[in-house]
Amino acid sequence: MLTVAGMARSTFYYHHARLDSPDRHAELKACITRHFTAAKSRYGYRRIRLMLHQDGSMVSRKTVWKLMNQLGLKSKVRARKAYSSYRGTVSQVCDNVLKRQFTPGTPNAVWVSDVTEFRAGAQKVYLSPILDLYDRSIVSYSTSTSPSTAFTAQSLTAAYQTLTSPATPLVHTDQGFQYQHQVWRRVLAKHGSVQSMSRRGNCHDNAIVENFFGHLKSEMYHGERFETVDHLVEEIGEYIRWYNEDRVQERLKGLTPMQYRNQALQSQPA
């Protein structure tokens, strides 16, 4: 038979032995699948590797990538279609004070914000988060069916209410009409914060919050159907909780935003 097949006897026995031998990566594959499922298919090989390291499995990126390919585990692909609240200069435009300095040394030193748009059935839904650049955590957020000035001011006010010690964060946004309006500026002035704005048409000046929107939409929204506003708002809230408390980040040394934040806050003098 081997002669007819044109296969050497040694090759036949090598492959036969491989098929009969147990999979040495079986346990690791099970762990990978467990973490991938727990993350609702949101993790790629880099974050799966971080989770394995937390389990004590010091495996390489290459190995995780290879095993995920063998298992057919593909993270959700990001799709981009940005909402823009820019309406021209309708009131006061501020300088770009932040200047892409995206790595402050302490929590509550710099907050960034923006608005993004979703659909639930025929209804539009808007999200306004306040993101802390120190640990990329979502400090607060608001949702609305209208991208009004009151809606964005609500999330900013809620962010200040989370502060347990005096702080006057720099607050950076794009030039959206909500951020030029006196409603937004009054909240900043009340709390002594400096306002910063991206340069016109330069999304990279506010890249971190744009990056968060990309993850949110690819990991929670795209490919799903939301027929009601309440359902969508509930899922957004659950995603933000998961993002803050469970989603590990490589830049945070394999910790979640809240783990990284709590470490910093605990080390601060009382």
C-alpha atoms as a PDB file:
ATOM      1  CA  MET A   1       0.000   0.000   0.000  1.00  0.00           C
ATOM      2  CA  LEU A   2       2.816   2.400   0.898  1.00  0.00           C
ATOM      3  CA  THR A   3       4.495   1.660  -2.434  1.00  0.00           C
ATOM      4  CA  VAL A   4       1.297   2.459  -4.323  1.00  0.00           C
ATOM      5  CA  ALA A   5       0.845   5.663  -2.344  1.00  0.00           C
ATOM      6  CA  GLY A   6       4.425   6.691  -2.993  1.00  0.00           C
ATOM      7  CA  MET A   7       5.041   7.261   0.737  1.00  0.00           C
ATOM      8  CA  ALA A   8       8.162   6.203   2.602  1.00  0.00           C
ATOM      9  CA  ARG A   9       7.596   3.781   5.479  1.00  0.00           C
ATOM     10  CA  SER A  10       9.272   6.180   7.960  1.00  0.00           C
ATOM     11  CA  THR A  11       6.950   9.047   6.919  1.00  0.00           C
ATOM     12  CA  PHE A  12       3.887   6.851   7.380  1.00  0.00           C
ATOM     13  CA  TYR A  13       4.882   5.769  10.883  1.00  0.00           C
ATOM     14  CA  TYR A  14       5.807   9.363  11.873  1.00  0.00           C
ATOM     15  CA  HIS A  15       2.367  10.719  10.998  1.00  0.00           C
ATOM     16  CA  HIS A  16       0.647   7.660  12.463  1.00  0.00           C
ATOM     17  CA  ALA A  17       2.432   8.223  15.772  1.00  0.00           C
ATOM     18  CA  ARG A  18       1.467  11.915  15.775  1.00  0.00           C
ATOM     19  CA  LEU A  19      -2.202  11.066  15.292  1.00  0.00           C
ATOM     20  CA  ASP A  20      -2.115   8.508  18.089  1.00  0.00           C
ATOM     21  CA  SER A  21      -0.190  10.715  20.550  1.00  0.00           C
ATOM     22  CA  PRO A  22      -2.097  12.974  22.975  1.00  0.00           C
ATOM     23  CA  ASP A  23      -2.227  16.695  22.198  1.00  0.00           C
ATOM     24  CA  ARG A  24       0.430  18.266  24.423  1.00  0.00           C
ATOM     25  CA  HIS A  25      -1.374  21.602  24.159  1.00  0.00           C
ATOM     26  CA  ALA A  26      -4.805  20.215  25.083  1.00  0.00           C
ATOM     27  CA  GLU A  27      -4.911  21.867  28.509  1.00  0.00           C
ATOM     28  CA  LEU A  28      -3.593  25.167  27.152  1.00  0.00           C
ATOM     29  CA  LYS A  29      -6.163  25.110  24.345  1.00  0.00           C
ATOM     30  CA  ALA A  30      -8.906  24.570  26.902  1.00  0.00           C
ATOM     31  CA  CYS A  31      -7.692  27.593  28.885  1.00  0.00           C
ATOM     32  CA  ILE A  32      -7.518  29.708  25.732  1.00  0.00           C
ATOM     33  CA  THR A  33     -11.049  28.708  24.768  1.00  0.00           C
ATOM     34  CA  ARG A  34     -12.317  29.439  28.277  1.00  0.00           C
ATOM     35  CA  HIS A  35     -10.848  32.957  28.323  1.00  0.00           C
ATOM     36  CA  PHE A  36     -12.000  33.652  24.756  1.00  0.00           C
ATOM     37  CA  THR A  37     -15.548  32.574  25.598  1.00  0.00           C
ATOM     38  CA  ALA A  38     -15.600  34.542  28.861  1.00  0.00           C
ATOM     39  CA  ALA A  39     -14.568  37.659  26.922  1.00  0.00           C
ATOM     40  CA  LYS A  40     -17.418  37.092  24.436  1.00  0.00           C
ATOM     41  CA  SER A  41     -14.990  36.714  21.508  1.00  0.00           C
ATOM     42  CA  ARG A  42     -13.572  40.190  22.203  1.00  0.00           C
ATOM     43  CA  TYR A  43      -9.975  39.144  22.962  1.00  0.00           C
ATOM     44  CA  GLY A  44      -7.262  38.636  20.380  1.00  0.00           C
ATOM     45  CA  TYR A  45      -4.105  36.638  21.038  1.00  0.00           C
ATOM     46  CA  ARG A  46      -2.356  39.461  22.921  1.00  0.00           C
ATOM     47  CA  ARG A  47      -5.011  39.768  25.631  1.00  0.00           C
ATOM     48  CA  ILE A  48      -5.517  36.012  25.797  1.00  0.00           C
ATOM     49  CA  ARG A  49      -1.788  35.761  26.509  1.00  0.00           C
ATOM     50  CA  LEU A  50      -2.126  38.288  29.347  1.00  0.00           C
ATOM     51  CA  MET A  51      -4.908  36.207  30.881  1.00  0.00           C
ATOM     52  CA  LEU A  52      -2.798  33.055  30.589  1.00  0.00           C
ATOM     53  CA  HIS A  53       0.073  34.852  32.337  1.00  0.00           C
ATOM     54  CA  GLN A  54      -2.309  35.704  35.186  1.00  0.00           C
ATOM     55  CA  ASP A  55      -3.080  31.977  35.381  1.00  0.00           C
ATOM     56  CA  GLY A  56       0.646  31.256  35.655  1.00  0.00           C
ATOM     57  CA  SER A  57       1.090  29.971  32.086  1.00  0.00           C
ATOM     58  CA  MET A  58       4.071  31.926  30.735  1.00  0.00           C
ATOM     59  CA  VAL A  59       3.443  31.193  27.068  1.00  0.00           C
ATOM     60  CA  SER A  60       4.709  33.209  24.100  1.00  0.00           C
ATOM     61  CA  ARG A  61       2.592  35.361  21.808  1.00  0.00           C
ATOM     62  CA  LYS A  62       3.523  33.152  18.866  1.00  0.00           C
ATOM     63  CA  THR A  63       2.241  30.031  20.606  1.00  0.00           C
ATOM     64  CA  VAL A  64      -1.053  31.665  21.597  1.00  0.00           C
ATOM     65  CA  TRP A  65      -1.522  33.013  18.073  1.00  0.00           C
ATOM     66  CA  LYS A  66      -0.844  29.579  16.563  1.00  0.00           C
ATOM     67  CA  LEU A  67      -3.183  27.737  18.928  1.00  0.00           C
ATOM     68  CA  MET A  68      -5.984  30.266  18.464  1.00  0.00           C
ATOM     69  CA  ASN A  69      -5.666  29.798  14.710  1.00  0.00           C
ATOM     70  CA  GLN A  70      -5.856  26.025  15.152  1.00  0.00           C
ATOM     71  CA  LEU A  71      -8.980  26.453  17.276  1.00  0.00           C
ATOM     72  CA  GLY A  72     -10.527  28.883  14.801  1.00  0.00           C
ATOM     73  CA  LEU A  73     -10.845  31.602  17.448  1.00  0.00           C
ATOM     74  CA  LYS A  74     -10.986  35.034  15.814  1.00  0.00           C
ATOM     75  CA  SER A  75     -11.623  38.217  17.762  1.00  0.00           C
ATOM     76  CA  LYS A  76     -14.271  40.613  16.527  1.00  0.00           C
ATOM     77  CA  VAL A  77     -13.015  42.907  13.765  1.00  0.00           C
ATOM     78  CA  ARG A  78     -13.146  46.645  14.317  1.00  0.00           C
ATOM     79  CA  ALA A  79     -15.167  48.749  11.905  1.00  0.00           C
ATOM     80  CA  ARG A  80     -14.971  52.515  11.853  1.00  0.00           C
ATOM     81  CA  LYS A  81     -17.597  55.075  10.981  1.00  0.00           C
ATOM     82  CA  ALA A  82     -17.174  58.100  13.180  1.00  0.00           C
ATOM     83  CA  TYR A  83     -19.957  60.421  14.277  1.00  0.00           C
ATOM     84  CA  SER A  84     -19.022  64.104  14.124  1.00  0.00           C
ATOM     85  CA  SER A  85     -20.609  66.805  16.258  1.00  0.00           C
ATOM     86  CA  TYR A  86     -18.651  69.580  14.546  1.00  0.00           C
ATOM     87  CA  ARG A  87     -20.936  72.384  13.352  1.00  0.00           C
ATOM     88  CA  GLY A  88     -18.323  75.031  12.702  1.00  0.00           C
ATOM     89  CA  THR A  89     -17.435  77.765  15.163  1.00  0.00           C
ATOM     90  CA  VAL A  90     -20.688  78.341  17.024  1.00  0.00           C
ATOM     91  CA  SER A  91     -19.195  79.792  20.198  1.00  0.00           C
ATOM     92  CA  GLN A  92     -15.786  79.628  21.884  1.00  0.00           C
ATOM     93  CA  VAL A  93     -12.985  77.429  20.478  1.00  0.00           C
ATOM     94  CA  CYS A  94     -10.067  76.711  22.833  1.00  0.00           C
ATOM     95  CA  ASP A  95      -6.406  75.958  22.222  1.00  0.00           C
ATOM     96  CA  ASN A  96      -5.029  72.430  22.128  1.00  0.00           C
ATOM     97  CA  VAL A  97      -3.468  72.466  25.590  1.00  0.00           C
ATOM     98  CA  LEU A  98      -3.107  68.674  25.756  1.00  0.00           C
ATOM     99  CA  LYS A  99      -0.930  68.430  22.617  1.00  0.00           C
ATOM    100  CA  ARG A 100      -1.176  64.627  22.506  1.00  0.00           C
ATOM    101  CA  GLN A 101       0.433  64.158  25.918  1.00  0.00           C
ATOM    102  CA  PHE A 102      -1.580  61.017  26.514  1.00  0.00           C
ATOM    103  CA  THR A 103       0.324  59.588  29.510  1.00  0.00           C
ATOM    104  CA  PRO A 104      -0.239  61.697  32.647  1.00  0.00           C
ATOM    105  CA  GLY A 105       1.467  60.465  35.795  1.00  0.00           C
ATOM    106  CA  THR A 106      -1.543  60.425  38.115  1.00  0.00           C
ATOM    107  CA  PRO A 107      -5.271  59.678  38.010  1.00  0.00           C
ATOM    108  CA  ASN A 108      -7.646  62.590  37.413  1.00  0.00           C
ATOM    109  CA  ALA A 109      -4.969  64.750  35.804  1.00  0.00           C
ATOM    110  CA  VAL A 110      -6.454  64.624  32.288  1.00  0.00           C
ATOM    111  CA  TRP A 111      -9.928  63.627  31.180  1.00  0.00           C
ATOM    112  CA  VAL A 112     -10.965  63.301  27.541  1.00  0.00           C
ATOM    113  CA  SER A 113     -14.417  63.054  26.023  1.00  0.00           C
ATOM    114  CA  ASP A 114     -16.328  62.802  22.766  1.00  0.00           C
ATOM    115  CA  VAL A 115     -19.709  61.683  21.446  1.00  0.00           C
ATOM    116  CA  THR A 116     -20.434  58.590  19.387  1.00  0.00           C
ATOM    117  CA  GLU A 117     -23.630  57.408  17.718  1.00  0.00           C
ATOM    118  CA  PHE A 118     -25.482  54.069  17.651  1.00  0.00           C
ATOM    119  CA  ARG A 119     -28.773  52.799  16.258  1.00  0.00           C
ATOM    120  CA  ALA A 120     -31.445  50.801  18.033  1.00  0.00           C
ATOM    121  CA  GLY A 121     -34.061  49.928  15.453  1.00  0.00           C
ATOM    122  CA  ALA A 122     -34.961  53.233  13.804  1.00  0.00           C
ATOM    123  CA  GLN A 123     -33.802  55.290  16.794  1.00  0.00           C
ATOM    124  CA  LYS A 124     -30.404  56.962  17.172  1.00  0.00           C
ATOM    125  CA  VAL A 125     -28.643  56.701  20.526  1.00  0.00           C
ATOM    126  CA  TYR A 126     -25.653  58.773  21.644  1.00  0.00           C
ATOM    127  CA  LEU A 127     -22.931  58.045  24.194  1.00  0.00           C
ATOM    128  CA  SER A 128     -20.792  60.626  26.009  1.00  0.00           C
ATOM    129  CA  PRO A 129     -18.051  59.055  28.177  1.00  0.00           C
ATOM    130  CA  ILE A 130     -15.436  60.776  30.329  1.00  0.00           C
ATOM    131  CA  LEU A 131     -12.175  58.817  30.025  1.00  0.00           C
ATOM    132  CA  ASP A 132      -9.185  59.239  32.351  1.00  0.00           C
ATOM    133  CA  LEU A 133      -5.954  59.157  30.346  1.00  0.00           C
ATOM    134  CA  TYR A 134      -3.964  57.765  33.282  1.00  0.00           C
ATOM    135  CA  ASP A 135      -5.554  54.323  33.226  1.00  0.00           C
ATOM    136  CA  ARG A 136      -7.990  54.654  30.283  1.00  0.00           C
ATOM    137  CA  SER A 137     -10.903  54.002  32.647  1.00  0.00           C
ATOM    138  CA  ILE A 138     -14.368  55.379  31.968  1.00  0.00           C
ATOM    139  CA  VAL A 139     -14.979  57.708  34.905  1.00  0.00           C
ATOM    140  CA  SER A 140     -18.599  58.402  33.962  1.00  0.00           C
ATOM    141  CA  TYR A 141     -20.885  58.382  30.956  1.00  0.00           C
ATOM    142  CA  SER A 142     -24.308  59.465  29.775  1.00  0.00           C
ATOM    143  CA  THR A 143     -26.594  58.214  27.013  1.00  0.00           C
ATOM    144  CA  SER A 144     -29.356  60.025  25.172  1.00  0.00           C
ATOM    145  CA  THR A 145     -31.471  59.946  22.040  1.00  0.00           C
ATOM    146  CA  SER A 146     -30.386  63.538  21.384  1.00  0.00           C
ATOM    147  CA  PRO A 147     -26.768  64.812  21.260  1.00  0.00           C
ATOM    148  CA  SER A 148     -27.672  67.919  23.245  1.00  0.00           C
ATOM    149  CA  THR A 149     -25.494  70.179  25.354  1.00  0.00           C
ATOM    150  CA  ALA A 150     -27.302  68.991  28.495  1.00  0.00           C
ATOM    151  CA  PHE A 151     -26.478  65.366  27.614  1.00  0.00           C
ATOM    152  CA  THR A 152     -22.707  65.973  27.423  1.00  0.00           C
ATOM    153  CA  ALA A 153     -22.705  68.216  30.493  1.00  0.00           C
ATOM    154  CA  GLN A 154     -24.412  65.406  32.419  1.00  0.00           C
ATOM    155  CA  SER A 155     -21.475  63.014  31.997  1.00  0.00           C
ATOM    156  CA  LEU A 156     -18.979  65.755  32.914  1.00  0.00           C
ATOM    157  CA  THR A 157     -20.898  66.672  36.062  1.00  0.00           C
ATOM    158  CA  ALA A 158     -21.094  63.000  37.024  1.00  0.00           C
ATOM    159  CA  ALA A 159     -17.320  62.659  36.584  1.00  0.00           C
ATOM    160  CA  TYR A 160     -16.637  65.458  39.068  1.00  0.00           C
ATOM    161  CA  GLN A 161     -18.989  63.778  41.524  1.00  0.00           C
ATOM    162  CA  THR A 162     -16.726  60.695  41.572  1.00  0.00           C
ATOM    163  CA  LEU A 163     -13.769  62.665  42.963  1.00  0.00           C
ATOM    164  CA  THR A 164     -12.953  61.777  46.563  1.00  0.00           C
ATOM    165  CA  SER A 165     -10.098  64.283  46.870  1.00  0.00           C
ATOM    166  CA  PRO A 166      -9.535  67.744  45.375  1.00  0.00           C
ATOM    167  CA  ALA A 167      -8.573  67.620  41.686  1.00  0.00           C
ATOM    168  CA  THR A 168      -8.830  69.965  38.720  1.00  0.00           C
ATOM    169  CA  PRO A 169      -8.287  67.764  35.658  1.00  0.00           C
ATOM    170  CA  LEU A 170      -7.493  69.210  32.264  1.00  0.00           C
ATOM    171  CA  VAL A 171     -10.509  68.326  30.107  1.00  0.00           C
ATOM    172  CA  HIS A 172      -9.888  67.716  26.395  1.00  0.00           C
ATOM    173  CA  THR A 173     -12.419  67.247  23.583  1.00  0.00           C
ATOM    174  CA  ASP A 174     -12.778  67.956  19.895  1.00  0.00           C
ATOM    175  CA  GLN A 175     -14.445  71.133  18.607  1.00  0.00           C
ATOM    176  CA  GLY A 176     -17.965  69.674  18.703  1.00  0.00           C
ATOM    177  CA  PHE A 177     -20.725  72.200  19.263  1.00  0.00           C
ATOM    178  CA  GLN A 178     -21.480  70.788  22.720  1.00  0.00           C
ATOM    179  CA  TYR A 179     -17.977  71.645  23.931  1.00  0.00           C
ATOM    180  CA  GLN A 180     -18.051  75.183  22.571  1.00  0.00           C
ATOM    181  CA  HIS A 181     -21.342  75.869  24.363  1.00  0.00           C
ATOM    182  CA  GLN A 182     -21.526  77.773  27.639  1.00  0.00           C
ATOM    183  CA  VAL A 183     -23.270  74.832  29.350  1.00  0.00           C
ATOM    184  CA  TRP A 184     -20.088  72.733  29.079  1.00  0.00           C
ATOM    185  CA  ARG A 185     -17.790  75.644  29.882  1.00  0.00           C
ATOM    186  CA  ARG A 186     -19.764  76.561  33.002  1.00  0.00           C
ATOM    187  CA  VAL A 187     -19.265  73.091  34.469  1.00  0.00           C
ATOM    188  CA  LEU A 188     -15.520  73.341  33.806  1.00  0.00           C
ATOM    189  CA  ALA A 189     -15.318  76.808  35.350  1.00  0.00           C
ATOM    190  CA  LYS A 190     -17.265  75.708  38.419  1.00  0.00           C
ATOM    191  CA  HIS A 191     -14.642  73.045  39.145  1.00  0.00           C
ATOM    192  CA  GLY A 192     -11.586  75.071  38.097  1.00  0.00           C
ATOM    193  CA  SER A 193     -10.618  72.885  35.126  1.00  0.00           C
ATOM    194  CA  VAL A 194      -8.723  74.094  32.074  1.00  0.00           C
ATOM    195  CA  GLN A 195     -10.426  73.375  28.744  1.00  0.00           C
ATOM    196  CA  SER A 196      -8.501  71.925  25.784  1.00  0.00           C
ATOM    197  CA  MET A 197      -9.673  71.195  22.231  1.00  0.00           C
ATOM    198  CA  SER A 198      -8.301  69.235  19.299  1.00  0.00           C
ATOM    199  CA  ARG A 199      -7.275  71.154  16.239  1.00  0.00           C
ATOM    200  CA  ARG A 200      -9.993  71.341  13.633  1.00  0.00           C
ATOM    201  CA  GLY A 201     -10.335  68.130  11.625  1.00  0.00           C
ATOM    202  CA  ASN A 202      -7.521  66.367  13.506  1.00  0.00           C
ATOM    203  CA  CYS A 203      -8.952  63.227  15.121  1.00  0.00           C
ATOM    204  CA  HIS A 204      -5.487  62.123  16.273  1.00  0.00           C
ATOM    205  CA  ASP A 205      -5.506  64.901  18.885  1.00  0.00           C
ATOM    206  CA  ASN A 206      -8.234  62.934  20.679  1.00  0.00           C
ATOM    207  CA  ALA A 207      -7.068  59.470  19.632  1.00  0.00           C
ATOM    208  CA  ILE A 208      -7.522  57.689  22.960  1.00  0.00           C
ATOM    209  CA  VAL A 209     -11.260  58.185  23.252  1.00  0.00           C
ATOM    210  CA  GLU A 210     -11.624  57.408  19.536  1.00  0.00           C
ATOM    211  CA  ASN A 211      -9.760  54.172  20.199  1.00  0.00           C
ATOM    212  CA  PHE A 212     -12.169  53.341  23.019  1.00  0.00           C
ATOM    213  CA  PHE A 213     -15.118  53.871  20.685  1.00  0.00           C
ATOM    214  CA  GLY A 214     -13.510  51.510  18.184  1.00  0.00           C
ATOM    215  CA  HIS A 215     -13.177  48.754  20.780  1.00  0.00           C
ATOM    216  CA  LEU A 216     -16.680  49.331  22.114  1.00  0.00           C
ATOM    217  CA  LYS A 217     -18.331  49.105  18.719  1.00  0.00           C
ATOM    218  CA  SER A 218     -16.363  46.113  17.466  1.00  0.00           C
ATOM    219  CA  GLU A 219     -16.636  44.146  20.704  1.00  0.00           C
ATOM    220  CA  MET A 220     -20.226  44.947  21.682  1.00  0.00           C
ATOM    221  CA  TYR A 221     -22.170  46.599  18.860  1.00  0.00           C
ATOM    222  CA  HIS A 222     -21.230  45.579  15.316  1.00  0.00           C
ATOM    223  CA  GLY A 223     -22.858  42.352  14.187  1.00  0.00           C
ATOM    224  CA  GLU A 224     -25.542  42.559  16.888  1.00  0.00           C
ATOM    225  CA  ARG A 225     -29.178  43.664  16.637  1.00  0.00           C
ATOM    226  CA  PHE A 226     -30.679  46.086  19.136  1.00  0.00           C
ATOM    227  CA  GLU A 227     -34.390  46.659  18.580  1.00  0.00           C
ATOM    228  CA  THR A 228     -34.977  48.943  21.562  1.00  0.00           C
ATOM    229  CA  VAL A 229     -33.130  51.873  23.094  1.00  0.00           C
ATOM    230  CA  ASP A 230     -33.357  50.317  26.562  1.00  0.00           C
ATOM    231  CA  HIS A 231     -31.659  47.122  25.388  1.00  0.00           C
ATOM    232  CA  LEU A 232     -28.821  49.017  23.721  1.00  0.00           C
ATOM    233  CA  VAL A 233     -28.287  51.316  26.717  1.00  0.00           C
ATOM    234  CA  GLU A 234     -28.218  48.293  29.032  1.00  0.00           C
ATOM    235  CA  GLU A 235     -25.577  46.578  26.888  1.00  0.00           C
ATOM    236  CA  ILE A 236     -23.472  49.757  26.705  1.00  0.00           C
ATOM    237  CA  GLY A 237     -23.544  49.953  30.499  1.00  0.00           C
ATOM    238  CA  GLU A 238     -22.558  46.308  30.860  1.00  0.00           C
ATOM    239  CA  TYR A 239     -19.723  46.739  28.356  1.00  0.00           C
ATOM    240  CA  ILE A 240     -18.342  49.769  30.210  1.00  0.00           C
ATOM    241  CA  ARG A 241     -18.460  47.827  33.490  1.00  0.00           C
ATOM    242  CA  TRP A 242     -16.633  44.923  31.817  1.00  0.00           C
ATOM    243  CA  TYR A 243     -14.127  47.280  30.158  1.00  0.00           C
ATOM    244  CA  ASN A 244     -13.291  48.966  33.479  1.00  0.00           C
ATOM    245  CA  GLU A 245     -13.257  45.910  35.726  1.00  0.00           C
ATOM    246  CA  ASP A 246     -12.412  42.874  33.578  1.00  0.00           C
ATOM    247  CA  ARG A 247     -10.730  43.893  30.305  1.00  0.00           C
ATOM    248  CA  VAL A 248      -6.967  43.598  30.744  1.00  0.00           C
ATOM    249  CA  GLN A 249      -4.661  45.949  28.838  1.00  0.00           C
ATOM    250  CA  GLU A 250      -1.080  45.340  27.835  1.00  0.00           C
ATOM    251  CA  ARG A 251      -0.115  48.972  28.414  1.00  0.00           C
ATOM    252  CA  LEU A 252      -1.414  48.650  31.992  1.00  0.00           C
ATOM    253  CA  LYS A 253       0.989  45.770  32.695  1.00  0.00           C
ATOM    254  CA  GLY A 254      -1.711  43.180  32.165  1.00  0.00           C
ATOM    255  CA  LEU A 255      -4.128  44.799  34.624  1.00  0.00           C
ATOM    256  CA  THR A 256      -7.625  46.134  34.102  1.00  0.00           C
ATOM    257  CA  PRO A 257      -8.184  49.912  34.228  1.00  0.00           C
ATOM    258  CA  MET A 258      -9.684  49.730  37.725  1.00  0.00           C
ATOM    259  CA  GLN A 259      -6.911  47.504  39.073  1.00  0.00           C
ATOM    260  CA  TYR A 260      -4.306  49.915  37.726  1.00  0.00           C
ATOM    261  CA  ARG A 261      -6.235  52.926  39.029  1.00  0.00           C
ATOM    262  CA  ASN A 262      -6.719  51.494  42.504  1.00  0.00           C
ATOM    263  CA  GLN A 263      -3.004  50.742  42.800  1.00  0.00           C
ATOM    264  CA  ALA A 264      -2.213  54.388  42.085  1.00  0.00           C
ATOM    265  CA  LEU A 265      -4.898  55.776  44.393  1.00  0.00           C
ATOM    266  CA  GLN A 266      -3.803  53.543  47.280  1.00  0.00           C
ATOM    267  CA  SER A 267      -0.207  54.755  46.947  1.00  0.00           C
ATOM    268  CA  GLN A 268      -1.193  58.427  47.153  1.00  0.00           C
ATOM    269  CA  PRO A 269      -0.721  60.141  50.541  1.00  0.00           C
ATOM    270  CA  ALA A 270      -3.898  60.557  52.550  1.00  0.00           C
END
